Amino acid sequence: MPGGKEPHFLCRSDRKMLWLAGIWADYGDDAACCAIITEPARGCAADIHDRMPLVLADDSFDDWLDPELQEREAIRSAVHHLDGALLTHWPVSRRVNRPANDDASLIEPDDNARA
């Protein structure tokens, strides 16, 4: 894309919290790691990228955190992603790419974004 990648703000259409599925491991001796699980992009997220974080459906949050739920098929039966139709996005300023920028205007639509 000419001029580089264009940042987007992605959220739920109803503005409720997004719950991302992640994994975490503690290796002791102050060593730990974590990762956000991704899946093929769905809904409007596919307009931006071919992958997206696994966004949990509201009724899957407790099951995802259940330490007793460990088998892959049990997890797949109990845990579901949020319906992609509940997501929305819009282009935002490239100011988001600089950590020094930290204000609410970063998520406002960028009127100068490429169409």
PDB file of N, CA and C in Angstrom:
ATOM      1  N   MET A   1       0.843  -1.173   0.000  1.00  0.00           N
ATOM      2  CA  MET A   1       0.000   0.000   0.000  1.00  0.00           C
ATOM      3  C   MET A   1       0.891   1.239   0.000  1.00  0.00           C
ATOM      4  N   PRO A   2       0.664   2.170  -0.909  1.00  0.00           N
ATOM      5  CA  PRO A   2       1.473   3.393  -0.947  1.00  0.00           C
ATOM      6  C   PRO A   2       1.359   4.157   0.372  1.00  0.00           C
ATOM      7  N   GLY A   3       2.509   4.624   0.873  1.00  0.00           N
ATOM      8  CA  GLY A   3       2.505   5.385   2.113  1.00  0.00           C
ATOM      9  C   GLY A   3       2.482   4.529   3.361  1.00  0.00           C
ATOM     10  N   GLY A   4       2.496   3.217   3.229  1.00  0.00           N
ATOM     11  CA  GLY A   4       2.520   2.339   4.398  1.00  0.00           C
ATOM     12  C   GLY A   4       1.141   1.898   4.845  1.00  0.00           C
ATOM     13  N   LYS A   5       1.132   1.130   5.908  1.00  0.00           N
ATOM     14  CA  LYS A   5      -0.119   0.604   6.449  1.00  0.00           C
ATOM     15  C   LYS A   5      -0.931   1.707   7.105  1.00  0.00           C
ATOM     16  N   GLU A   6      -2.232   1.553   7.058  1.00  0.00           N
ATOM     17  CA  GLU A   6      -3.136   2.525   7.650  1.00  0.00           C
ATOM     18  C   GLU A   6      -3.721   1.942   8.936  1.00  0.00           C
ATOM     19  N   PRO A   7      -3.509   2.588  10.090  1.00  0.00           N
ATOM     20  CA  PRO A   7      -4.046   2.056  11.342  1.00  0.00           C
ATOM     21  C   PRO A   7      -5.563   2.206  11.425  1.00  0.00           C
ATOM     22  N   HIS A   8      -6.181   1.269  12.107  1.00  0.00           N
ATOM     23  CA  HIS A   8      -7.634   1.280  12.301  1.00  0.00           C
ATOM     24  C   HIS A   8      -7.953   1.053  13.768  1.00  0.00           C
ATOM     25  N   PHE A   9      -9.064   1.598  14.198  1.00  0.00           N
ATOM     26  CA  PHE A   9      -9.602   1.315  15.527  1.00  0.00           C
ATOM     27  C   PHE A   9     -10.706   0.294  15.331  1.00  0.00           C
ATOM     28  N   LEU A  10     -10.621  -0.831  16.025  1.00  0.00           N
ATOM     29  CA  LEU A  10     -11.606  -1.904  15.923  1.00  0.00           C
ATOM     30  C   LEU A  10     -12.269  -2.060  17.280  1.00  0.00           C
ATOM     31  N   CYS A  11     -13.595  -2.123  17.290  1.00  0.00           N
ATOM     32  CA  CYS A  11     -14.328  -2.255  18.546  1.00  0.00           C
ATOM     33  C   CYS A  11     -15.666  -2.939  18.275  1.00  0.00           C
ATOM     34  N   ARG A  12     -16.380  -3.206  19.354  1.00  0.00           N
ATOM     35  CA  ARG A  12     -17.739  -3.724  19.214  1.00  0.00           C
ATOM     36  C   ARG A  12     -18.651  -2.573  18.802  1.00  0.00           C
ATOM     37  N   SER A  13     -19.623  -2.864  17.980  1.00  0.00           N
ATOM     38  CA  SER A  13     -20.583  -1.836  17.559  1.00  0.00           C
ATOM     39  C   SER A  13     -21.334  -1.258  18.747  1.00  0.00           C
ATOM     40  N   ASP A  14     -21.577  -2.072  19.781  1.00  0.00           N
ATOM     41  CA  ASP A  14     -22.281  -1.615  20.975  1.00  0.00           C
ATOM     42  C   ASP A  14     -21.332  -1.004  22.008  1.00  0.00           C
ATOM     43  N   ARG A  15     -20.047  -0.937  21.684  1.00  0.00           N
ATOM     44  CA  ARG A  15     -18.976  -0.358  22.503  1.00  0.00           C
ATOM     45  C   ARG A  15     -18.736  -1.114  23.818  1.00  0.00           C
ATOM     46  N   LYS A  16     -19.269  -2.331  23.947  1.00  0.00           N
ATOM     47  CA  LYS A  16     -18.953  -3.140  25.124  1.00  0.00           C
ATOM     48  C   LYS A  16     -17.512  -3.620  25.018  1.00  0.00           C
ATOM     49  N   MET A  17     -17.012  -4.141  26.111  1.00  0.00           N
ATOM     50  CA  MET A  17     -15.637  -4.612  26.196  1.00  0.00           C
ATOM     51  C   MET A  17     -15.388  -5.774  25.233  1.00  0.00           C
ATOM     52  N   LEU A  18     -14.219  -5.750  24.588  1.00  0.00           N
ATOM     53  CA  LEU A  18     -13.761  -6.896  23.800  1.00  0.00           C
ATOM     54  C   LEU A  18     -12.935  -7.789  24.721  1.00  0.00           C
ATOM     55  N   TRP A  19     -13.224  -9.076  24.736  1.00  0.00           N
ATOM     56  CA  TRP A  19     -12.472 -10.045  25.526  1.00  0.00           C
ATOM     57  C   TRP A  19     -11.649 -10.886  24.566  1.00  0.00           C
ATOM     58  N   LEU A  20     -10.335 -10.719  24.596  1.00  0.00           N
ATOM     59  CA  LEU A  20      -9.444 -11.447  23.697  1.00  0.00           C
ATOM     60  C   LEU A  20      -8.937 -12.711  24.373  1.00  0.00           C
ATOM     61  N   ALA A  21      -8.931 -13.803  23.637  1.00  0.00           N
ATOM     62  CA  ALA A  21      -8.423 -15.070  24.165  1.00  0.00           C
ATOM     63  C   ALA A  21      -6.904 -15.038  24.144  1.00  0.00           C
ATOM     64  N   GLY A  22      -6.321 -15.338  25.276  1.00  0.00           N
ATOM     65  CA  GLY A  22      -4.868 -15.372  25.381  1.00  0.00           C
ATOM     66  C   GLY A  22      -4.422 -16.566  26.205  1.00  0.00           C
ATOM     67  N   ILE A  23      -3.160 -16.872  26.099  1.00  0.00           N
ATOM     68  CA  ILE A  23      -2.580 -17.941  26.907  1.00  0.00           C
ATOM     69  C   ILE A  23      -1.404 -17.365  27.680  1.00  0.00           C
ATOM     70  N   TRP A  24      -1.103 -17.995  28.800  1.00  0.00           N
ATOM     71  CA  TRP A  24      -0.056 -17.506  29.674  1.00  0.00           C
ATOM     72  C   TRP A  24       0.635 -18.708  30.305  1.00  0.00           C
ATOM     73  N   ALA A  25       1.928 -18.638  30.452  1.00  0.00           N
ATOM     74  CA  ALA A  25       2.690 -19.708  31.094  1.00  0.00           C
ATOM     75  C   ALA A  25       3.710 -19.093  32.039  1.00  0.00           C
ATOM     76  N   ASP A  26       3.810 -19.682  33.221  1.00  0.00           N
ATOM     77  CA  ASP A  26       4.782 -19.250  34.222  1.00  0.00           C
ATOM     78  C   ASP A  26       5.864 -20.318  34.287  1.00  0.00           C
ATOM     79  N   TYR A  27       7.088 -19.927  34.004  1.00  0.00           N
ATOM     80  CA  TYR A  27       8.200 -20.874  33.995  1.00  0.00           C
ATOM     81  C   TYR A  27       9.066 -20.761  35.243  1.00  0.00           C
ATOM     82  N   GLY A  28       8.594 -20.008  36.239  1.00  0.00           N
ATOM     83  CA  GLY A  28       9.359 -19.844  37.466  1.00  0.00           C
ATOM     84  C   GLY A  28      10.547 -18.931  37.258  1.00  0.00           C
ATOM     85  N   ASP A  29      11.254 -18.628  38.353  1.00  0.00           N
ATOM     86  CA  ASP A  29      12.439 -17.777  38.282  1.00  0.00           C
ATOM     87  C   ASP A  29      12.184 -16.500  37.486  1.00  0.00           C
ATOM     88  N   ASP A  30      11.040 -15.880  37.708  1.00  0.00           N
ATOM     89  CA  ASP A  30      10.681 -14.630  37.034  1.00  0.00           C
ATOM     90  C   ASP A  30      10.602 -14.759  35.519  1.00  0.00           C
ATOM     91  N   ALA A  31      10.334 -15.952  35.033  1.00  0.00           N
ATOM     92  CA  ALA A  31      10.191 -16.159  33.594  1.00  0.00           C
ATOM     93  C   ALA A  31       8.752 -16.549  33.282  1.00  0.00           C
ATOM     94  N   ALA A  32       8.096 -15.735  32.497  1.00  0.00           N
ATOM     95  CA  ALA A  32       6.727 -16.008  32.071  1.00  0.00           C
ATOM     96  C   ALA A  32       6.556 -15.502  30.649  1.00  0.00           C
ATOM     97  N   CYS A  33       5.548 -16.018  29.979  1.00  0.00           N
ATOM     98  CA  CYS A  33       5.260 -15.525  28.637  1.00  0.00           C
ATOM     99  C   CYS A  33       3.759 -15.572  28.415  1.00  0.00           C
ATOM    100  N   CYS A  34       3.316 -14.786  27.443  1.00  0.00           N
ATOM    101  CA  CYS A  34       1.899 -14.764  27.108  1.00  0.00           C
ATOM    102  C   CYS A  34       1.750 -14.488  25.614  1.00  0.00           C
ATOM    103  N   ALA A  35       0.573 -14.794  25.098  1.00  0.00           N
ATOM    104  CA  ALA A  35       0.289 -14.554  23.684  1.00  0.00           C
ATOM    105  C   ALA A  35      -1.216 -14.401  23.504  1.00  0.00           C
ATOM    106  N   ILE A  36      -1.609 -13.578  22.550  1.00  0.00           N
ATOM    107  CA  ILE A  36      -3.007 -13.458  22.142  1.00  0.00           C
ATOM    108  C   ILE A  36      -3.232 -14.462  21.017  1.00  0.00           C
ATOM    109  N   ILE A  37      -4.276 -15.241  21.123  1.00  0.00           N
ATOM    110  CA  ILE A  37      -4.601 -16.223  20.088  1.00  0.00           C
ATOM    111  C   ILE A  37      -5.261 -15.501  18.920  1.00  0.00           C
ATOM    112  N   THR A  38      -4.875 -15.878  17.712  1.00  0.00           N
ATOM    113  CA  THR A  38      -5.470 -15.270  16.519  1.00  0.00           C
ATOM    114  C   THR A  38      -6.238 -16.309  15.719  1.00  0.00           C
ATOM    115  N   GLU A  39      -7.049 -15.814  14.810  1.00  0.00           N
ATOM    116  CA  GLU A  39      -7.839 -16.659  13.910  1.00  0.00           C
ATOM    117  C   GLU A  39      -7.992 -15.911  12.582  1.00  0.00           C
ATOM    118  N   PRO A  40      -8.496 -16.587  11.559  1.00  0.00           N
ATOM    119  CA  PRO A  40      -8.759 -15.861  10.308  1.00  0.00           C
ATOM    120  C   PRO A  40      -9.738 -14.710  10.570  1.00  0.00           C
ATOM    121  N   ALA A  41      -9.507 -13.592   9.941  1.00  0.00           N
ATOM    122  CA  ALA A  41     -10.358 -12.415  10.159  1.00  0.00           C
ATOM    123  C   ALA A  41     -11.780 -12.698   9.716  1.00  0.00           C
ATOM    124  N   ARG A  42     -12.716 -12.180  10.503  1.00  0.00           N
ATOM    125  CA  ARG A  42     -14.146 -12.332  10.216  1.00  0.00           C
ATOM    126  C   ARG A  42     -14.801 -10.958  10.211  1.00  0.00           C
ATOM    127  N   GLY A  43     -15.965 -10.876   9.593  1.00  0.00           N
ATOM    128  CA  GLY A  43     -16.714  -9.625   9.578  1.00  0.00           C
ATOM    129  C   GLY A  43     -15.893  -8.490   8.993  1.00  0.00           C
ATOM    130  N   CYS A  44     -16.090  -7.312   9.525  1.00  0.00           N
ATOM    131  CA  CYS A  44     -15.406  -6.135   8.989  1.00  0.00           C
ATOM    132  C   CYS A  44     -13.901  -6.179   9.221  1.00  0.00           C
ATOM    133  N   ALA A  45     -13.430  -7.001  10.158  1.00  0.00           N
ATOM    134  CA  ALA A  45     -11.993  -7.110  10.401  1.00  0.00           C
ATOM    135  C   ALA A  45     -11.267  -7.620   9.162  1.00  0.00           C
ATOM    136  N   ALA A  46     -11.959  -8.372   8.328  1.00  0.00           N
ATOM    137  CA  ALA A  46     -11.355  -8.878   7.092  1.00  0.00           C
ATOM    138  C   ALA A  46     -11.046  -7.744   6.110  1.00  0.00           C
ATOM    139  N   ASP A  47     -11.660  -6.572   6.308  1.00  0.00           N
ATOM    140  CA  ASP A  47     -11.354  -5.409   5.471  1.00  0.00           C
ATOM    141  C   ASP A  47      -9.953  -4.873   5.759  1.00  0.00           C
ATOM    142  N   ILE A  48      -9.440  -5.188   6.951  1.00  0.00           N
ATOM    143  CA  ILE A  48      -8.181  -4.626   7.413  1.00  0.00           C
ATOM    144  C   ILE A  48      -7.017  -5.591   7.251  1.00  0.00           C
ATOM    145  N   HIS A  49      -7.249  -6.864   7.593  1.00  0.00           N
ATOM    146  CA  HIS A  49      -6.146  -7.833   7.656  1.00  0.00           C
ATOM    147  C   HIS A  49      -6.718  -9.236   7.487  1.00  0.00           C
ATOM    148  N   ASP A  50      -5.870 -10.201   7.193  1.00  0.00           N
ATOM    149  CA  ASP A  50      -6.349 -11.569   7.033  1.00  0.00           C
ATOM    150  C   ASP A  50      -6.433 -12.339   8.356  1.00  0.00           C
ATOM    151  N   ARG A  51      -5.858 -11.789   9.441  1.00  0.00           N
ATOM    152  CA  ARG A  51      -5.903 -12.404  10.770  1.00  0.00           C
ATOM    153  C   ARG A  51      -6.467 -11.394  11.763  1.00  0.00           C
ATOM    154  N   MET A  52      -6.974 -11.905  12.874  1.00  0.00           N
ATOM    155  CA  MET A  52      -7.472 -11.050  13.943  1.00  0.00           C
ATOM    156  C   MET A  52      -7.356 -11.791  15.264  1.00  0.00           C
ATOM    157  N   PRO A  53      -7.355 -11.061  16.383  1.00  0.00           N
ATOM    158  CA  PRO A  53      -7.383 -11.744  17.673  1.00  0.00           C
ATOM    159  C   PRO A  53      -8.682 -12.545  17.814  1.00  0.00           C
ATOM    160  N   LEU A  54      -8.622 -13.626  18.552  1.00  0.00           N
ATOM    161  CA  LEU A  54      -9.832 -14.387  18.860  1.00  0.00           C
ATOM    162  C   LEU A  54     -10.596 -13.612  19.927  1.00  0.00           C
ATOM    163  N   VAL A  55     -11.704 -12.996  19.524  1.00  0.00           N
ATOM    164  CA  VAL A  55     -12.543 -12.209  20.426  1.00  0.00           C
ATOM    165  C   VAL A  55     -13.617 -13.146  20.966  1.00  0.00           C
ATOM    166  N   LEU A  56     -13.644 -13.306  22.288  1.00  0.00           N
ATOM    167  CA  LEU A  56     -14.572 -14.235  22.919  1.00  0.00           C
ATOM    168  C   LEU A  56     -15.991 -13.693  22.946  1.00  0.00           C
ATOM    169  N   ALA A  57     -16.968 -14.589  22.696  1.00  0.00           N
ATOM    170  CA  ALA A  57     -18.374 -14.248  22.893  1.00  0.00           C
ATOM    171  C   ALA A  57     -18.595 -14.029  24.386  1.00  0.00           C
ATOM    172  N   ASP A  58     -19.554 -13.186  24.731  1.00  0.00           N
ATOM    173  CA  ASP A  58     -19.803 -12.859  26.134  1.00  0.00           C
ATOM    174  C   ASP A  58     -20.027 -14.101  26.996  1.00  0.00           C
ATOM    175  N   ASP A  59     -20.720 -15.088  26.451  1.00  0.00           N
ATOM    176  CA  ASP A  59     -21.021 -16.283  27.244  1.00  0.00           C
ATOM    177  C   ASP A  59     -19.867 -17.283  27.285  1.00  0.00           C
ATOM    178  N   SER A  60     -18.737 -16.967  26.701  1.00  0.00           N
ATOM    179  CA  SER A  60     -17.574 -17.862  26.701  1.00  0.00           C
ATOM    180  C   SER A  60     -16.481 -17.433  27.678  1.00  0.00           C
ATOM    181  N   PHE A  61     -16.620 -16.263  28.251  1.00  0.00           N
ATOM    182  CA  PHE A  61     -15.568 -15.711  29.093  1.00  0.00           C
ATOM    183  C   PHE A  61     -15.239 -16.627  30.277  1.00  0.00           C
ATOM    184  N   ASP A  62     -16.242 -17.046  31.026  1.00  0.00           N
ATOM    185  CA  ASP A  62     -15.997 -17.903  32.192  1.00  0.00           C
ATOM    186  C   ASP A  62     -15.405 -19.250  31.792  1.00  0.00           C
ATOM    187  N   ASP A  63     -15.897 -19.830  30.705  1.00  0.00           N
ATOM    188  CA  ASP A  63     -15.348 -21.110  30.244  1.00  0.00           C
ATOM    189  C   ASP A  63     -13.886 -20.970  29.838  1.00  0.00           C
ATOM    190  N   TRP A  64     -13.537 -19.868  29.174  1.00  0.00           N
ATOM    191  CA  TRP A  64     -12.150 -19.661  28.760  1.00  0.00           C
ATOM    192  C   TRP A  64     -11.215 -19.625  29.964  1.00  0.00           C
ATOM    193  N   LEU A  65     -11.680 -19.051  31.060  1.00  0.00           N
ATOM    194  CA  LEU A  65     -10.855 -18.925  32.259  1.00  0.00           C
ATOM    195  C   LEU A  65     -10.914 -20.140  33.183  1.00  0.00           C
ATOM    196  N   ASP A  66     -11.743 -21.122  32.860  1.00  0.00           N
ATOM    197  CA  ASP A  66     -11.900 -22.314  33.696  1.00  0.00           C
ATOM    198  C   ASP A  66     -10.652 -23.200  33.609  1.00  0.00           C
ATOM    199  N   PRO A  67      -9.887 -23.325  34.700  1.00  0.00           N
ATOM    200  CA  PRO A  67      -8.663 -24.135  34.644  1.00  0.00           C
ATOM    201  C   PRO A  67      -8.932 -25.635  34.468  1.00  0.00           C
ATOM    202  N   GLU A  68     -10.164 -26.067  34.736  1.00  0.00           N
ATOM    203  CA  GLU A  68     -10.514 -27.487  34.568  1.00  0.00           C
ATOM    204  C   GLU A  68     -10.758 -27.841  33.100  1.00  0.00           C
ATOM    205  N   LEU A  69     -11.027 -26.853  32.291  1.00  0.00           N
ATOM    206  CA  LEU A  69     -11.302 -27.073  30.872  1.00  0.00           C
ATOM    207  C   LEU A  69      -9.974 -27.077  30.129  1.00  0.00           C
ATOM    208  N   GLN A  70      -9.443 -28.275  29.827  1.00  0.00           N
ATOM    209  CA  GLN A  70      -8.104 -28.370  29.264  1.00  0.00           C
ATOM    210  C   GLN A  70      -8.016 -29.124  27.949  1.00  0.00           C
ATOM    211  N   GLU A  71      -8.961 -29.988  27.672  1.00  0.00           N
ATOM    212  CA  GLU A  71      -8.909 -30.757  26.434  1.00  0.00           C
ATOM    213  C   GLU A  71      -9.382 -29.906  25.258  1.00  0.00           C
ATOM    214  N   ARG A  72      -8.663 -30.010  24.151  1.00  0.00           N
ATOM    215  CA  ARG A  72      -8.944 -29.179  22.974  1.00  0.00           C
ATOM    216  C   ARG A  72     -10.404 -29.232  22.533  1.00  0.00           C
ATOM    217  N   GLU A  73     -10.968 -30.418  22.423  1.00  0.00           N
ATOM    218  CA  GLU A  73     -12.355 -30.528  21.943  1.00  0.00           C
ATOM    219  C   GLU A  73     -13.343 -29.965  22.958  1.00  0.00           C
ATOM    220  N   ALA A  74     -13.062 -30.113  24.237  1.00  0.00           N
ATOM    221  CA  ALA A  74     -13.935 -29.543  25.269  1.00  0.00           C
ATOM    222  C   ALA A  74     -13.900 -28.019  25.192  1.00  0.00           C
ATOM    223  N   ILE A  75     -12.729 -27.492  24.974  1.00  0.00           N
ATOM    224  CA  ILE A  75     -12.598 -26.033  24.836  1.00  0.00           C
ATOM    225  C   ILE A  75     -13.353 -25.561  23.608  1.00  0.00           C
ATOM    226  N   ARG A  76     -13.187 -26.254  22.493  1.00  0.00           N
ATOM    227  CA  ARG A  76     -13.884 -25.847  21.255  1.00  0.00           C
ATOM    228  C   ARG A  76     -15.393 -25.930  21.392  1.00  0.00           C
ATOM    229  N   SER A  77     -15.887 -26.858  22.201  1.00  0.00           N
ATOM    230  CA  SER A  77     -17.329 -26.980  22.408  1.00  0.00           C
ATOM    231  C   SER A  77     -17.873 -25.881  23.304  1.00  0.00           C
ATOM    232  N   ALA A  78     -17.078 -25.451  24.278  1.00  0.00           N
ATOM    233  CA  ALA A  78     -17.551 -24.497  25.281  1.00  0.00           C
ATOM    234  C   ALA A  78     -17.275 -23.041  24.929  1.00  0.00           C
ATOM    235  N   VAL A  79     -16.227 -22.804  24.164  1.00  0.00           N
ATOM    236  CA  VAL A  79     -15.771 -21.438  23.914  1.00  0.00           C
ATOM    237  C   VAL A  79     -16.049 -21.046  22.456  1.00  0.00           C
ATOM    238  N   HIS A  80     -16.636 -19.882  22.279  1.00  0.00           N
ATOM    239  CA  HIS A  80     -17.000 -19.418  20.933  1.00  0.00           C
ATOM    240  C   HIS A  80     -16.530 -17.981  20.730  1.00  0.00           C
ATOM    241  N   HIS A  81     -16.252 -17.655  19.469  1.00  0.00           N
ATOM    242  CA  HIS A  81     -15.846 -16.283  19.191  1.00  0.00           C
ATOM    243  C   HIS A  81     -17.083 -15.392  19.048  1.00  0.00           C
ATOM    244  N   LEU A  82     -16.845 -14.109  19.233  1.00  0.00           N
ATOM    245  CA  LEU A  82     -17.896 -13.115  19.076  1.00  0.00           C
ATOM    246  C   LEU A  82     -18.334 -13.070  17.610  1.00  0.00           C
ATOM    247  N   ASP A  83     -19.608 -12.929  17.373  1.00  0.00           N
ATOM    248  CA  ASP A  83     -20.128 -12.798  16.017  1.00  0.00           C
ATOM    249  C   ASP A  83     -19.457 -11.603  15.339  1.00  0.00           C
ATOM    250  N   GLY A  84     -18.834 -11.832  14.200  1.00  0.00           N
ATOM    251  CA  GLY A  84     -18.134 -10.777  13.474  1.00  0.00           C
ATOM    252  C   GLY A  84     -19.026  -9.604  13.097  1.00  0.00           C
ATOM    253  N   ALA A  85     -20.332  -9.812  13.016  1.00  0.00           N
ATOM    254  CA  ALA A  85     -21.260  -8.725  12.689  1.00  0.00           C
ATOM    255  C   ALA A  85     -21.340  -7.701  13.829  1.00  0.00           C
ATOM    256  N   LEU A  86     -20.852  -8.054  15.022  1.00  0.00           N
ATOM    257  CA  LEU A  86     -20.880  -7.136  16.160  1.00  0.00           C
ATOM    258  C   LEU A  86     -19.654  -6.233  16.219  1.00  0.00           C
ATOM    259  N   LEU A  87     -18.753  -6.360  15.247  1.00  0.00           N
ATOM    260  CA  LEU A  87     -17.540  -5.551  15.219  1.00  0.00           C
ATOM    261  C   LEU A  87     -17.672  -4.413  14.214  1.00  0.00           C
ATOM    262  N   THR A  88     -16.986  -3.339  14.487  1.00  0.00           N
ATOM    263  CA  THR A  88     -16.903  -2.217  13.557  1.00  0.00           C
ATOM    264  C   THR A  88     -15.483  -1.665  13.618  1.00  0.00           C
ATOM    265  N   HIS A  89     -15.120  -0.850  12.651  1.00  0.00           N
ATOM    266  CA  HIS A  89     -13.788  -0.237  12.637  1.00  0.00           C
ATOM    267  C   HIS A  89     -13.806   1.036  11.817  1.00  0.00           C
ATOM    268  N   TRP A  90     -12.780   1.840  12.009  1.00  0.00           N
ATOM    269  CA  TRP A  90     -12.584   3.032  11.192  1.00  0.00           C
ATOM    270  C   TRP A  90     -11.103   3.394  11.197  1.00  0.00           C
ATOM    271  N   PRO A  91     -10.634   4.040  10.126  1.00  0.00           N
ATOM    272  CA  PRO A  91      -9.232   4.471  10.086  1.00  0.00           C
ATOM    273  C   PRO A  91      -8.979   5.575  11.106  1.00  0.00           C
ATOM    274  N   VAL A  92      -7.796   5.533  11.697  1.00  0.00           N
ATOM    275  CA  VAL A  92      -7.387   6.546  12.670  1.00  0.00           C
ATOM    276  C   VAL A  92      -6.048   7.142  12.240  1.00  0.00           C
ATOM    277  N   SER A  93      -5.669   8.193  12.905  1.00  0.00           N
ATOM    278  CA  SER A  93      -4.421   8.887  12.589  1.00  0.00           C
ATOM    279  C   SER A  93      -3.214   7.982  12.810  1.00  0.00           C
ATOM    280  N   ARG A  94      -2.198   8.186  12.000  1.00  0.00           N
ATOM    281  CA  ARG A  94      -0.941   7.455  12.186  1.00  0.00           C
ATOM    282  C   ARG A  94      -0.196   7.910  13.437  1.00  0.00           C
ATOM    283  N   ARG A  95      -0.753   8.882  14.124  1.00  0.00           N
ATOM    284  CA  ARG A  95      -0.183   9.289  15.413  1.00  0.00           C
ATOM    285  C   ARG A  95      -0.175   8.130  16.400  1.00  0.00           C
ATOM    286  N   VAL A  96      -1.050   7.125  16.184  1.00  0.00           N
ATOM    287  CA  VAL A  96      -1.093   5.979  17.103  1.00  0.00           C
ATOM    288  C   VAL A  96       0.215   5.194  17.079  1.00  0.00           C
ATOM    289  N   ASN A  97       1.015   5.377  16.055  1.00  0.00           N
ATOM    290  CA  ASN A  97       2.264   4.614  15.911  1.00  0.00           C
ATOM    291  C   ASN A  97       3.397   5.135  16.781  1.00  0.00           C
ATOM    292  N   ARG A  98       3.179   6.225  17.512  1.00  0.00           N
ATOM    293  CA  ARG A  98       4.220   6.799  18.374  1.00  0.00           C
ATOM    294  C   ARG A  98       3.787   6.705  19.829  1.00  0.00           C
ATOM    295  N   PRO A  99       4.517   5.974  20.662  1.00  0.00           N
ATOM    296  CA  PRO A  99       4.142   5.833  22.077  1.00  0.00           C
ATOM    297  C   PRO A  99       4.013   7.159  22.823  1.00  0.00           C
ATOM    298  N   ALA A 100       4.714   8.194  22.363  1.00  0.00           N
ATOM    299  CA  ALA A 100       4.627   9.500  23.033  1.00  0.00           C
ATOM    300  C   ALA A 100       3.223  10.094  22.904  1.00  0.00           C
ATOM    301  N   ASN A 101       2.483   9.679  21.881  1.00  0.00           N
ATOM    302  CA  ASN A 101       1.117  10.166  21.692  1.00  0.00           C
ATOM    303  C   ASN A 101       0.183   9.296  22.524  1.00  0.00           C
ATOM    304  N   ASP A 102      -0.533   9.915  23.435  1.00  0.00           N
ATOM    305  CA  ASP A 102      -1.406   9.159  24.332  1.00  0.00           C
ATOM    306  C   ASP A 102      -2.580  10.036  24.751  1.00  0.00           C
ATOM    307  N   ASP A 103      -3.565  10.133  23.874  1.00  0.00           N
ATOM    308  CA  ASP A 103      -4.740  10.930  24.197  1.00  0.00           C
ATOM    309  C   ASP A 103      -5.955  10.346  23.490  1.00  0.00           C
ATOM    310  N   ALA A 104      -7.126  10.750  23.926  1.00  0.00           N
ATOM    311  CA  ALA A 104      -8.386  10.199  23.419  1.00  0.00           C
ATOM    312  C   ALA A 104      -8.594  10.439  21.928  1.00  0.00           C
ATOM    313  N   SER A 105      -7.963  11.450  21.366  1.00  0.00           N
ATOM    314  CA  SER A 105      -8.166  11.745  19.944  1.00  0.00           C
ATOM    315  C   SER A 105      -7.590  10.650  19.043  1.00  0.00           C
ATOM    316  N   LEU A 106      -6.760   9.791  19.589  1.00  0.00           N
ATOM    317  CA  LEU A 106      -6.143   8.733  18.772  1.00  0.00           C
ATOM    318  C   LEU A 106      -7.163   7.760  18.202  1.00  0.00           C
ATOM    319  N   ILE A 107      -8.338   7.637  18.813  1.00  0.00           N
ATOM    320  CA  ILE A 107      -9.333   6.697  18.299  1.00  0.00           C
ATOM    321  C   ILE A 107     -10.439   7.386  17.500  1.00  0.00           C
ATOM    322  N   GLU A 108     -10.307   8.676  17.306  1.00  0.00           N
ATOM    323  CA  GLU A 108     -11.279   9.398  16.484  1.00  0.00           C
ATOM    324  C   GLU A 108     -11.033   9.086  15.010  1.00  0.00           C
ATOM    325  N   PRO A 109     -12.109   9.018  14.206  1.00  0.00           N
ATOM    326  CA  PRO A 109     -11.926   8.749  12.778  1.00  0.00           C
ATOM    327  C   PRO A 109     -10.990   9.782  12.132  1.00  0.00           C
ATOM    328  N   ASP A 110     -10.136   9.306  11.247  1.00  0.00           N
ATOM    329  CA  ASP A 110      -9.208  10.169  10.524  1.00  0.00           C
ATOM    330  C   ASP A 110      -9.859  10.588   9.208  1.00  0.00           C
ATOM    331  N   ASP A 111     -10.237  11.851   9.131  1.00  0.00           N
ATOM    332  CA  ASP A 111     -10.898  12.363   7.923  1.00  0.00           C
ATOM    333  C   ASP A 111      -9.968  12.399   6.727  1.00  0.00           C
ATOM    334  N   ASN A 112      -8.656  12.300   6.953  1.00  0.00           N
ATOM    335  CA  ASN A 112      -7.677  12.338   5.866  1.00  0.00           C
ATOM    336  C   ASN A 112      -7.236  10.952   5.418  1.00  0.00           C
ATOM    337  N   ALA A 113      -7.874   9.910   5.946  1.00  0.00           N
ATOM    338  CA  ALA A 113      -7.480   8.539   5.598  1.00  0.00           C
ATOM    339  C   ALA A 113      -7.814   8.263   4.133  1.00  0.00           C
ATOM    340  N   ARG A 114      -7.037   7.339   3.572  1.00  0.00           N
ATOM    341  CA  ARG A 114      -7.293   6.952   2.178  1.00  0.00           C
ATOM    342  C   ARG A 114      -8.605   6.178   2.099  1.00  0.00           C
ATOM    343  N   ALA A 115      -9.337   6.412   1.069  1.00  0.00           N
ATOM    344  CA  ALA A 115     -10.618   5.709   0.872  1.00  0.00           C
ATOM    345  C   ALA A 115     -10.383   4.373   0.221  1.00  0.00           C
TER     346      ALA A 115
END
